[in-house]
Amino acid sequence: AHIEHQIRVHALAKPEIRWVFRRDQKVVFDLPASHDIRARLSRLFGNDVARGITRIEPYQLLDYEVHGYVSSLEFSRKSRKNQYFFINGRPVEDSVLSKGVRDLFVDKLSETEHPMAWLWITMPPDLVDVNVHPAKREIRLLRPMEVRNLIFQAVQQAYAAPLKVEAPDITPSL
């Protein structure tokens, strides 16, 4: 399960690369290379989830930029394990990032519920310390409130905008 999770995380980090995961001689997933992140999400999490997500348009604040997707509240989960964050292309874990998403829905969710999220953040490398943990997944942000505000404002803007329904492109790439 840990190996599958890591492959899923890296497949999200690099959608332009084809990923095939086999377990016990059976294909668990075969993800064609694509620049359509929503198609990758559809293949990994199902069409229902992909239809129930809101696109976070590229949003800039100071030296940071974020884009990605956040699920509708009906797809909220009991843990943050279905929240995926990528800083400068690297998959990372940090409670500040999750808090930036959850704070927008604090009056709509119980304390144990968390929306699904897939966010790609670009920031100056000197503002993030990746040497906190040997696996390099846990990080230390040098200006955590700026990053939290970036995420909060980007998600808030996306949910304030009129809903645009996008169909993912799930046609196989050759």
N, C-alpha and C. Protein backbone atom coordinates (compact mmCIF):
# COMPACT_ATOMS: atom_id res chain seq x y z
N ALA A 1 0.83 -1.20 0.00
CA ALA A 1 0.00 0.00 0.00
C ALA A 1 0.87 1.26 0.00
N HIS A 2 1.97 1.23 0.75
CA HIS A 2 2.87 2.39 0.79
C HIS A 2 3.52 2.62 -0.57
N ILE A 3 3.90 1.54 -1.21
CA ILE A 3 4.52 1.67 -2.54
C ILE A 3 3.51 2.24 -3.53
N GLU A 4 2.30 1.71 -3.51
CA GLU A 4 1.27 2.22 -4.42
C GLU A 4 1.01 3.70 -4.16
N HIS A 5 0.93 4.09 -2.89
CA HIS A 5 0.72 5.50 -2.56
C HIS A 5 1.84 6.37 -3.12
N GLN A 6 3.08 5.93 -2.95
CA GLN A 6 4.20 6.72 -3.45
C GLN A 6 4.19 6.83 -4.98
N ILE A 7 3.81 5.77 -5.65
CA ILE A 7 3.74 5.83 -7.11
C ILE A 7 2.63 6.79 -7.54
N ARG A 8 1.50 6.75 -6.85
CA ARG A 8 0.42 7.69 -7.15
C ARG A 8 0.89 9.14 -6.96
N VAL A 9 1.58 9.39 -5.87
CA VAL A 9 2.07 10.74 -5.58
C VAL A 9 3.01 11.22 -6.69
N HIS A 10 3.93 10.37 -7.08
CA HIS A 10 4.89 10.77 -8.11
C HIS A 10 4.24 10.85 -9.49
N ALA A 11 3.21 10.04 -9.73
CA ALA A 11 2.47 10.15 -10.98
C ALA A 11 1.72 11.48 -11.06
N LEU A 12 1.29 11.98 -9.92
CA LEU A 12 0.66 13.30 -9.89
C LEU A 12 1.70 14.40 -10.08
N ALA A 13 2.87 14.19 -9.51
CA ALA A 13 3.93 15.20 -9.63
C ALA A 13 4.42 15.33 -11.06
N LYS A 14 4.38 14.23 -11.79
CA LYS A 14 4.92 14.21 -13.17
C LYS A 14 3.89 13.62 -14.13
N PRO A 15 2.81 14.35 -14.42
CA PRO A 15 1.79 13.81 -15.32
C PRO A 15 2.27 13.65 -16.77
N GLU A 16 3.35 14.31 -17.13
CA GLU A 16 3.86 14.21 -18.50
C GLU A 16 4.63 12.90 -18.73
N ILE A 17 4.73 12.08 -17.70
CA ILE A 17 5.40 10.78 -17.80
C ILE A 17 4.35 9.67 -17.67
N ARG A 18 4.49 8.63 -18.49
CA ARG A 18 3.60 7.47 -18.39
C ARG A 18 4.01 6.64 -17.16
N TRP A 19 3.01 6.19 -16.40
CA TRP A 19 3.25 5.38 -15.22
C TRP A 19 2.40 4.12 -15.31
N VAL A 20 3.02 2.97 -15.08
CA VAL A 20 2.31 1.70 -15.03
C VAL A 20 2.66 1.06 -13.69
N PHE A 21 1.62 0.65 -12.96
CA PHE A 21 1.84 -0.01 -11.68
C PHE A 21 1.19 -1.38 -11.73
N ARG A 22 2.01 -2.40 -11.49
CA ARG A 22 1.54 -3.79 -11.46
C ARG A 22 1.75 -4.36 -10.07
N ARG A 23 0.77 -5.16 -9.65
CA ARG A 23 0.89 -5.87 -8.37
C ARG A 23 0.40 -7.28 -8.60
N ASP A 24 1.22 -8.24 -8.24
CA ASP A 24 0.88 -9.66 -8.44
C ASP A 24 0.50 -9.95 -9.88
N GLN A 25 1.29 -9.45 -10.82
CA GLN A 25 1.12 -9.67 -12.25
C GLN A 25 -0.13 -9.00 -12.84
N LYS A 26 -0.82 -8.18 -12.05
CA LYS A 26 -2.01 -7.48 -12.54
C LYS A 26 -1.73 -5.99 -12.59
N VAL A 27 -2.24 -5.36 -13.63
CA VAL A 27 -2.07 -3.91 -13.78
C VAL A 27 -3.08 -3.22 -12.85
N VAL A 28 -2.55 -2.46 -11.90
CA VAL A 28 -3.40 -1.69 -10.99
C VAL A 28 -3.83 -0.41 -11.70
N PHE A 29 -2.87 0.26 -12.34
CA PHE A 29 -3.19 1.39 -13.20
C PHE A 29 -2.12 1.57 -14.25
N ASP A 30 -2.57 2.09 -15.37
CA ASP A 30 -1.69 2.41 -16.51
C ASP A 30 -2.07 3.83 -16.90
N LEU A 31 -1.21 4.78 -16.55
CA LEU A 31 -1.50 6.20 -16.75
C LEU A 31 -0.71 6.72 -17.94
N PRO A 32 -1.38 7.04 -19.03
CA PRO A 32 -0.64 7.59 -20.18
C PRO A 32 -0.09 8.97 -19.84
N ALA A 33 0.97 9.34 -20.50
CA ALA A 33 1.53 10.68 -20.34
C ALA A 33 0.48 11.69 -20.79
N SER A 34 0.35 12.76 -20.04
CA SER A 34 -0.66 13.77 -20.37
C SER A 34 -0.29 15.07 -19.69
N HIS A 35 -0.71 16.16 -20.29
CA HIS A 35 -0.55 17.46 -19.63
C HIS A 35 -1.87 17.88 -18.99
N ASP A 36 -2.87 17.02 -19.09
CA ASP A 36 -4.18 17.28 -18.51
C ASP A 36 -4.23 16.65 -17.11
N ILE A 37 -4.02 17.48 -16.11
CA ILE A 37 -3.98 16.98 -14.73
C ILE A 37 -5.33 16.39 -14.33
N ARG A 38 -6.39 17.00 -14.82
CA ARG A 38 -7.73 16.49 -14.48
C ARG A 38 -7.92 15.06 -15.00
N ALA A 39 -7.38 14.75 -16.16
CA ALA A 39 -7.45 13.39 -16.69
C ALA A 39 -6.69 12.44 -15.78
N ARG A 40 -5.53 12.86 -15.30
CA ARG A 40 -4.75 12.03 -14.38
C ARG A 40 -5.53 11.80 -13.10
N LEU A 41 -6.17 12.84 -12.59
CA LEU A 41 -6.98 12.70 -11.37
C LEU A 41 -8.15 11.75 -11.60
N SER A 42 -8.77 11.84 -12.77
CA SER A 42 -9.88 10.96 -13.10
C SER A 42 -9.43 9.50 -13.09
N ARG A 43 -8.29 9.23 -13.67
CA ARG A 43 -7.79 7.85 -13.73
C ARG A 43 -7.36 7.33 -12.36
N LEU A 44 -6.85 8.20 -11.50
CA LEU A 44 -6.38 7.76 -10.19
C LEU A 44 -7.47 7.73 -9.13
N PHE A 45 -8.43 8.66 -9.22
CA PHE A 45 -9.42 8.79 -8.15
C PHE A 45 -10.85 8.54 -8.60
N GLY A 46 -11.06 8.32 -9.90
CA GLY A 46 -12.38 8.03 -10.42
C GLY A 46 -13.05 9.24 -11.04
N ASN A 47 -13.97 8.94 -11.96
CA ASN A 47 -14.67 10.01 -12.68
C ASN A 47 -15.55 10.84 -11.77
N ASP A 48 -16.17 10.23 -10.74
CA ASP A 48 -17.03 10.99 -9.84
C ASP A 48 -16.23 12.08 -9.13
N VAL A 49 -15.07 11.72 -8.63
CA VAL A 49 -14.22 12.71 -7.96
C VAL A 49 -13.79 13.78 -8.95
N ALA A 50 -13.37 13.37 -10.15
CA ALA A 50 -12.90 14.33 -11.15
C ALA A 50 -14.00 15.31 -11.55
N ARG A 51 -15.25 14.84 -11.55
CA ARG A 51 -16.36 15.74 -11.88
C ARG A 51 -16.70 16.65 -10.72
N GLY A 52 -16.33 16.26 -9.50
CA GLY A 52 -16.68 17.04 -8.31
C GLY A 52 -15.54 17.89 -7.78
N ILE A 53 -14.66 18.33 -8.67
CA ILE A 53 -13.55 19.16 -8.21
C ILE A 53 -13.64 20.55 -8.85
N THR A 54 -13.08 21.49 -8.13
CA THR A 54 -13.03 22.87 -8.61
C THR A 54 -11.59 23.19 -8.98
N ARG A 55 -11.42 23.79 -10.15
CA ARG A 55 -10.08 24.15 -10.60
C ARG A 55 -9.62 25.42 -9.90
N ILE A 56 -8.41 25.36 -9.41
CA ILE A 56 -7.76 26.53 -8.82
C ILE A 56 -6.88 27.12 -9.92
N GLU A 57 -7.32 28.21 -10.49
CA GLU A 57 -6.56 28.86 -11.56
C GLU A 57 -5.23 29.36 -10.99
N PRO A 58 -4.20 29.47 -11.83
CA PRO A 58 -2.93 30.00 -11.33
C PRO A 58 -3.15 31.32 -10.59
N TYR A 59 -2.68 31.35 -9.38
CA TYR A 59 -2.88 32.51 -8.49
C TYR A 59 -1.53 32.90 -7.92
N GLN A 60 -1.21 34.17 -8.00
CA GLN A 60 0.09 34.64 -7.51
C GLN A 60 -0.09 35.55 -6.30
N LEU A 61 0.82 35.42 -5.37
CA LEU A 61 0.88 36.29 -4.20
C LEU A 61 2.35 36.40 -3.82
N LEU A 62 2.86 37.62 -3.82
CA LEU A 62 4.27 37.87 -3.55
C LEU A 62 5.13 37.03 -4.51
N ASP A 63 6.03 36.21 -3.96
CA ASP A 63 6.91 35.39 -4.80
C ASP A 63 6.38 33.98 -5.02
N TYR A 64 5.09 33.76 -4.75
CA TYR A 64 4.51 32.42 -4.79
C TYR A 64 3.45 32.33 -5.89
N GLU A 65 3.26 31.12 -6.38
CA GLU A 65 2.14 30.84 -7.30
C GLU A 65 1.59 29.47 -6.96
N VAL A 66 0.28 29.32 -7.10
CA VAL A 66 -0.38 28.04 -6.84
C VAL A 66 -1.42 27.79 -7.93
N HIS A 67 -1.62 26.53 -8.27
CA HIS A 67 -2.72 26.10 -9.13
C HIS A 67 -3.04 24.66 -8.77
N GLY A 68 -4.19 24.19 -9.20
CA GLY A 68 -4.55 22.80 -8.93
C GLY A 68 -6.05 22.61 -8.85
N TYR A 69 -6.47 21.72 -7.94
CA TYR A 69 -7.88 21.36 -7.79
C TYR A 69 -8.19 21.09 -6.33
N VAL A 70 -9.46 21.37 -5.96
CA VAL A 70 -9.98 21.04 -4.63
C VAL A 70 -11.34 20.38 -4.84
N SER A 71 -11.60 19.33 -4.07
CA SER A 71 -12.86 18.59 -4.24
C SER A 71 -14.03 19.36 -3.64
N SER A 72 -15.21 18.97 -4.10
CA SER A 72 -16.42 19.49 -3.46
C SER A 72 -16.49 18.85 -2.07
N LEU A 73 -17.30 19.43 -1.21
CA LEU A 73 -17.36 18.96 0.18
C LEU A 73 -17.92 17.55 0.30
N GLU A 74 -18.69 17.10 -0.69
CA GLU A 74 -19.23 15.73 -0.62
C GLU A 74 -18.11 14.69 -0.69
N PHE A 75 -16.95 15.06 -1.20
CA PHE A 75 -15.82 14.13 -1.27
C PHE A 75 -14.82 14.35 -0.14
N SER A 76 -15.24 15.05 0.90
CA SER A 76 -14.36 15.25 2.06
C SER A 76 -14.05 13.91 2.70
N ARG A 77 -12.88 13.83 3.29
CA ARG A 77 -12.40 12.60 3.91
C ARG A 77 -12.10 12.83 5.38
N LYS A 78 -11.94 11.74 6.12
CA LYS A 78 -11.68 11.80 7.56
C LYS A 78 -10.22 12.08 7.88
N SER A 79 -9.37 12.08 6.87
CA SER A 79 -7.96 12.39 7.11
C SER A 79 -7.45 13.27 5.98
N ARG A 80 -6.24 13.78 6.14
CA ARG A 80 -5.63 14.62 5.12
C ARG A 80 -4.85 13.80 4.09
N LYS A 81 -4.92 12.49 4.15
CA LYS A 81 -4.09 11.68 3.26
C LYS A 81 -4.48 11.83 1.79
N ASN A 82 -5.65 12.38 1.50
CA ASN A 82 -6.06 12.64 0.13
C ASN A 82 -5.85 14.11 -0.26
N GLN A 83 -4.91 14.72 0.40
CA GLN A 83 -4.47 16.07 0.03
C GLN A 83 -3.03 15.94 -0.45
N TYR A 84 -2.80 16.40 -1.65
CA TYR A 84 -1.49 16.26 -2.29
C TYR A 84 -0.96 17.65 -2.60
N PHE A 85 0.24 17.91 -2.10
CA PHE A 85 0.88 19.21 -2.31
C PHE A 85 2.24 18.99 -2.95
N PHE A 86 2.57 19.87 -3.88
CA PHE A 86 3.83 19.79 -4.59
C PHE A 86 4.46 21.18 -4.57
N ILE A 87 5.65 21.27 -4.02
CA ILE A 87 6.36 22.55 -4.01
C ILE A 87 7.54 22.42 -4.96
N ASN A 88 7.54 23.30 -5.95
CA ASN A 88 8.58 23.30 -6.99
C ASN A 88 8.74 21.90 -7.60
N GLY A 89 7.61 21.22 -7.80
CA GLY A 89 7.60 19.90 -8.43
C GLY A 89 7.84 18.73 -7.49
N ARG A 90 8.14 18.99 -6.23
CA ARG A 90 8.43 17.93 -5.25
C ARG A 90 7.21 17.66 -4.38
N PRO A 91 6.80 16.39 -4.25
CA PRO A 91 5.70 16.08 -3.33
C PRO A 91 6.14 16.36 -1.89
N VAL A 92 5.29 17.05 -1.13
CA VAL A 92 5.63 17.42 0.24
C VAL A 92 4.42 17.24 1.15
N GLU A 93 4.69 17.21 2.44
CA GLU A 93 3.64 17.17 3.45
C GLU A 93 3.90 18.29 4.43
N ASP A 94 2.85 19.04 4.76
CA ASP A 94 2.98 20.10 5.74
C ASP A 94 1.58 20.51 6.18
N SER A 95 1.36 20.60 7.49
CA SER A 95 0.03 20.93 7.99
C SER A 95 -0.40 22.35 7.62
N VAL A 96 0.53 23.26 7.41
CA VAL A 96 0.19 24.63 7.02
C VAL A 96 -0.50 24.63 5.66
N LEU A 97 -0.03 23.79 4.75
CA LEU A 97 -0.63 23.71 3.42
C LEU A 97 -2.07 23.22 3.52
N SER A 98 -2.27 22.18 4.30
CA SER A 98 -3.61 21.64 4.49
C SER A 98 -4.53 22.66 5.15
N LYS A 99 -4.00 23.38 6.10
CA LYS A 99 -4.80 24.39 6.81
C LYS A 99 -5.26 25.48 5.85
N GLY A 100 -4.44 25.84 4.88
CA GLY A 100 -4.83 26.85 3.91
C GLY A 100 -6.06 26.45 3.11
N VAL A 101 -6.20 25.14 2.84
CA VAL A 101 -7.37 24.63 2.12
C VAL A 101 -8.56 24.55 3.07
N ARG A 102 -8.35 23.96 4.21
CA ARG A 102 -9.45 23.67 5.13
C ARG A 102 -10.08 24.92 5.73
N ASP A 103 -9.29 25.97 5.96
CA ASP A 103 -9.80 27.18 6.60
C ASP A 103 -10.98 27.80 5.86
N LEU A 104 -11.03 27.65 4.56
CA LEU A 104 -12.13 28.21 3.79
C LEU A 104 -13.45 27.51 4.12
N PHE A 105 -13.38 26.25 4.52
CA PHE A 105 -14.58 25.45 4.75
C PHE A 105 -14.82 25.17 6.23
N VAL A 106 -14.15 25.91 7.11
CA VAL A 106 -14.19 25.62 8.54
C VAL A 106 -15.62 25.61 9.09
N ASP A 107 -16.52 26.44 8.54
CA ASP A 107 -17.90 26.47 9.03
C ASP A 107 -18.79 25.43 8.36
N LYS A 108 -18.25 24.69 7.39
CA LYS A 108 -19.04 23.70 6.65
C LYS A 108 -18.63 22.26 6.94
N LEU A 109 -17.50 22.07 7.59
CA LEU A 109 -16.97 20.73 7.85
C LEU A 109 -16.75 20.53 9.35
N SER A 110 -16.87 19.27 9.78
CA SER A 110 -16.51 18.98 11.17
C SER A 110 -14.98 19.02 11.29
N GLU A 111 -14.50 18.98 12.50
CA GLU A 111 -13.04 19.07 12.71
C GLU A 111 -12.29 17.89 12.13
N THR A 112 -12.98 16.79 11.89
CA THR A 112 -12.32 15.60 11.36
C THR A 112 -12.49 15.43 9.86
N GLU A 113 -13.10 16.38 9.18
CA GLU A 113 -13.30 16.29 7.74
C GLU A 113 -12.34 17.21 7.00
N HIS A 114 -11.87 16.71 5.86
CA HIS A 114 -10.90 17.46 5.05
C HIS A 114 -11.24 17.29 3.57
N PRO A 115 -11.34 18.41 2.82
CA PRO A 115 -11.57 18.26 1.38
C PRO A 115 -10.35 17.64 0.72
N MET A 116 -10.59 16.91 -0.37
CA MET A 116 -9.48 16.39 -1.15
C MET A 116 -8.86 17.59 -1.88
N ALA A 117 -7.54 17.56 -2.07
CA ALA A 117 -6.88 18.68 -2.73
C ALA A 117 -5.63 18.20 -3.46
N TRP A 118 -5.35 18.87 -4.57
CA TRP A 118 -4.16 18.60 -5.36
C TRP A 118 -3.62 19.97 -5.78
N LEU A 119 -2.59 20.45 -5.11
CA LEU A 119 -2.10 21.80 -5.37
C LEU A 119 -0.60 21.79 -5.69
N TRP A 120 -0.25 22.54 -6.73
CA TRP A 120 1.13 22.71 -7.16
C TRP A 120 1.54 24.14 -6.85
N ILE A 121 2.57 24.27 -6.03
CA ILE A 121 3.03 25.58 -5.56
C ILE A 121 4.43 25.82 -6.09
N THR A 122 4.64 27.02 -6.62
CA THR A 122 5.97 27.42 -7.04
C THR A 122 6.40 28.56 -6.13
N MET A 123 7.62 28.46 -5.63
CA MET A 123 8.13 29.47 -4.72
C MET A 123 9.65 29.49 -4.77
N PRO A 124 10.27 30.56 -4.30
CA PRO A 124 11.73 30.59 -4.29
C PRO A 124 12.28 29.43 -3.43
N PRO A 125 13.23 28.68 -3.96
CA PRO A 125 13.75 27.52 -3.22
C PRO A 125 14.33 27.86 -1.85
N ASP A 126 14.84 29.08 -1.68
CA ASP A 126 15.43 29.43 -0.39
C ASP A 126 14.38 29.69 0.69
N LEU A 127 13.07 29.63 0.34
CA LEU A 127 12.02 29.84 1.32
C LEU A 127 11.42 28.53 1.83
N VAL A 128 12.01 27.41 1.42
CA VAL A 128 11.54 26.11 1.89
C VAL A 128 12.75 25.25 2.22
N ASP A 129 12.71 24.63 3.41
CA ASP A 129 13.78 23.74 3.84
C ASP A 129 13.30 22.30 3.66
N VAL A 130 13.92 21.59 2.73
CA VAL A 130 13.53 20.20 2.46
C VAL A 130 14.39 19.21 3.24
N ASN A 131 15.29 19.70 4.06
CA ASN A 131 16.19 18.82 4.81
C ASN A 131 15.71 18.58 6.23
N VAL A 132 14.41 18.50 6.41
CA VAL A 132 13.83 18.27 7.73
C VAL A 132 13.73 16.78 8.02
N HIS A 133 13.52 15.98 6.99
CA HIS A 133 13.29 14.55 7.14
C HIS A 133 14.10 13.81 6.08
N PRO A 134 14.63 12.62 6.39
CA PRO A 134 15.44 11.89 5.41
C PRO A 134 14.73 11.61 4.09
N ALA A 135 13.41 11.38 4.11
CA ALA A 135 12.67 11.10 2.87
C ALA A 135 12.35 12.36 2.09
N LYS A 136 12.62 13.53 2.67
CA LYS A 136 12.42 14.84 2.02
C LYS A 136 10.95 15.16 1.76
N ARG A 137 10.02 14.43 2.40
CA ARG A 137 8.60 14.74 2.21
C ARG A 137 8.15 15.83 3.18
N GLU A 138 8.63 15.77 4.40
CA GLU A 138 8.29 16.81 5.36
C GLU A 138 9.20 18.00 5.12
N ILE A 139 8.62 19.17 5.23
CA ILE A 139 9.37 20.39 4.93
C ILE A 139 9.20 21.40 6.05
N ARG A 140 9.98 22.45 5.99
CA ARG A 140 9.81 23.59 6.88
C ARG A 140 9.73 24.83 5.99
N LEU A 141 8.62 25.51 6.08
CA LEU A 141 8.45 26.74 5.32
C LEU A 141 9.02 27.90 6.12
N LEU A 142 9.80 28.75 5.49
CA LEU A 142 10.39 29.87 6.20
C LEU A 142 9.40 31.01 6.43
N ARG A 143 8.35 31.07 5.60
CA ARG A 143 7.28 32.06 5.76
C ARG A 143 5.94 31.34 5.64
N PRO A 144 5.59 30.52 6.63
CA PRO A 144 4.40 29.67 6.50
C PRO A 144 3.10 30.44 6.31
N MET A 145 2.93 31.58 6.96
CA MET A 145 1.67 32.31 6.83
C MET A 145 1.48 32.86 5.42
N GLU A 146 2.55 33.22 4.74
CA GLU A 146 2.44 33.69 3.36
C GLU A 146 1.93 32.57 2.46
N VAL A 147 2.43 31.36 2.67
CA VAL A 147 2.01 30.22 1.85
C VAL A 147 0.57 29.84 2.20
N ARG A 148 0.23 29.84 3.48
CA ARG A 148 -1.15 29.55 3.90
C ARG A 148 -2.11 30.57 3.28
N ASN A 149 -1.75 31.84 3.31
CA ASN A 149 -2.60 32.88 2.73
C ASN A 149 -2.74 32.72 1.22
N LEU A 150 -1.65 32.35 0.56
CA LEU A 150 -1.68 32.09 -0.88
C LEU A 150 -2.73 31.03 -1.20
N ILE A 151 -2.67 29.91 -0.49
CA ILE A 151 -3.60 28.80 -0.74
C ILE A 151 -5.03 29.22 -0.40
N PHE A 152 -5.22 29.83 0.74
CA PHE A 152 -6.55 30.26 1.16
C PHE A 152 -7.17 31.20 0.13
N GLN A 153 -6.42 32.20 -0.30
CA GLN A 153 -6.94 33.18 -1.26
C GLN A 153 -7.22 32.56 -2.63
N ALA A 154 -6.35 31.66 -3.07
CA ALA A 154 -6.56 31.00 -4.37
C ALA A 154 -7.81 30.14 -4.34
N VAL A 155 -8.00 29.38 -3.28
CA VAL A 155 -9.19 28.52 -3.16
C VAL A 155 -10.44 29.38 -3.01
N GLN A 156 -10.34 30.43 -2.22
CA GLN A 156 -11.47 31.34 -2.04
C GLN A 156 -11.89 31.97 -3.38
N GLN A 157 -10.92 32.41 -4.16
CA GLN A 157 -11.22 32.99 -5.46
C GLN A 157 -11.89 31.98 -6.39
N ALA A 158 -11.40 30.73 -6.37
CA ALA A 158 -11.97 29.69 -7.23
C ALA A 158 -13.42 29.41 -6.85
N TYR A 159 -13.73 29.37 -5.57
CA TYR A 159 -15.09 29.07 -5.14
C TYR A 159 -16.02 30.26 -5.29
N ALA A 160 -15.47 31.47 -5.38
CA ALA A 160 -16.29 32.67 -5.59
C ALA A 160 -16.65 32.85 -7.06
N ALA A 161 -15.84 32.28 -7.95
CA ALA A 161 -16.06 32.41 -9.40
C ALA A 161 -17.23 31.53 -9.82
N PRO A 162 -17.92 31.90 -10.91
CA PRO A 162 -18.98 31.02 -11.43
C PRO A 162 -18.41 29.65 -11.76
N LEU A 163 -19.16 28.61 -11.46
CA LEU A 163 -18.71 27.24 -11.67
C LEU A 163 -18.58 26.95 -13.16
N LYS A 164 -17.41 26.44 -13.55
CA LYS A 164 -17.17 26.03 -14.93
C LYS A 164 -16.99 24.52 -14.92
N VAL A 165 -17.81 23.82 -15.66
CA VAL A 165 -17.69 22.37 -15.71
C VAL A 165 -16.74 22.00 -16.84
N GLU A 166 -15.71 21.24 -16.50
CA GLU A 166 -14.74 20.78 -17.49
C GLU A 166 -14.79 19.27 -17.54
N ALA A 167 -14.82 18.73 -18.71
CA ALA A 167 -14.75 17.27 -18.86
C ALA A 167 -13.28 16.90 -19.02
N PRO A 168 -12.79 15.97 -18.23
CA PRO A 168 -11.38 15.58 -18.40
C PRO A 168 -11.16 14.86 -19.70
N ASP A 169 -9.98 15.08 -20.27
CA ASP A 169 -9.59 14.39 -21.50
C ASP A 169 -8.95 13.07 -21.08
N ILE A 170 -9.72 11.97 -21.17
CA ILE A 170 -9.19 10.68 -20.73
C ILE A 170 -8.91 9.76 -21.91
N THR A 171 -8.75 10.37 -23.09
CA THR A 171 -8.38 9.56 -24.25
C THR A 171 -6.93 9.13 -24.11
N PRO A 172 -6.62 7.88 -24.43
CA PRO A 172 -5.25 7.40 -24.29
C PRO A 172 -4.30 8.15 -25.22
N SER A 173 -3.10 8.43 -24.68
CA SER A 173 -2.05 9.03 -25.49
C SER A 173 -1.19 7.94 -26.08
N LEU A 174 -0.70 8.15 -27.27
CA LEU A 174 0.17 7.15 -27.88
C LEU A 174 1.61 7.56 -27.75
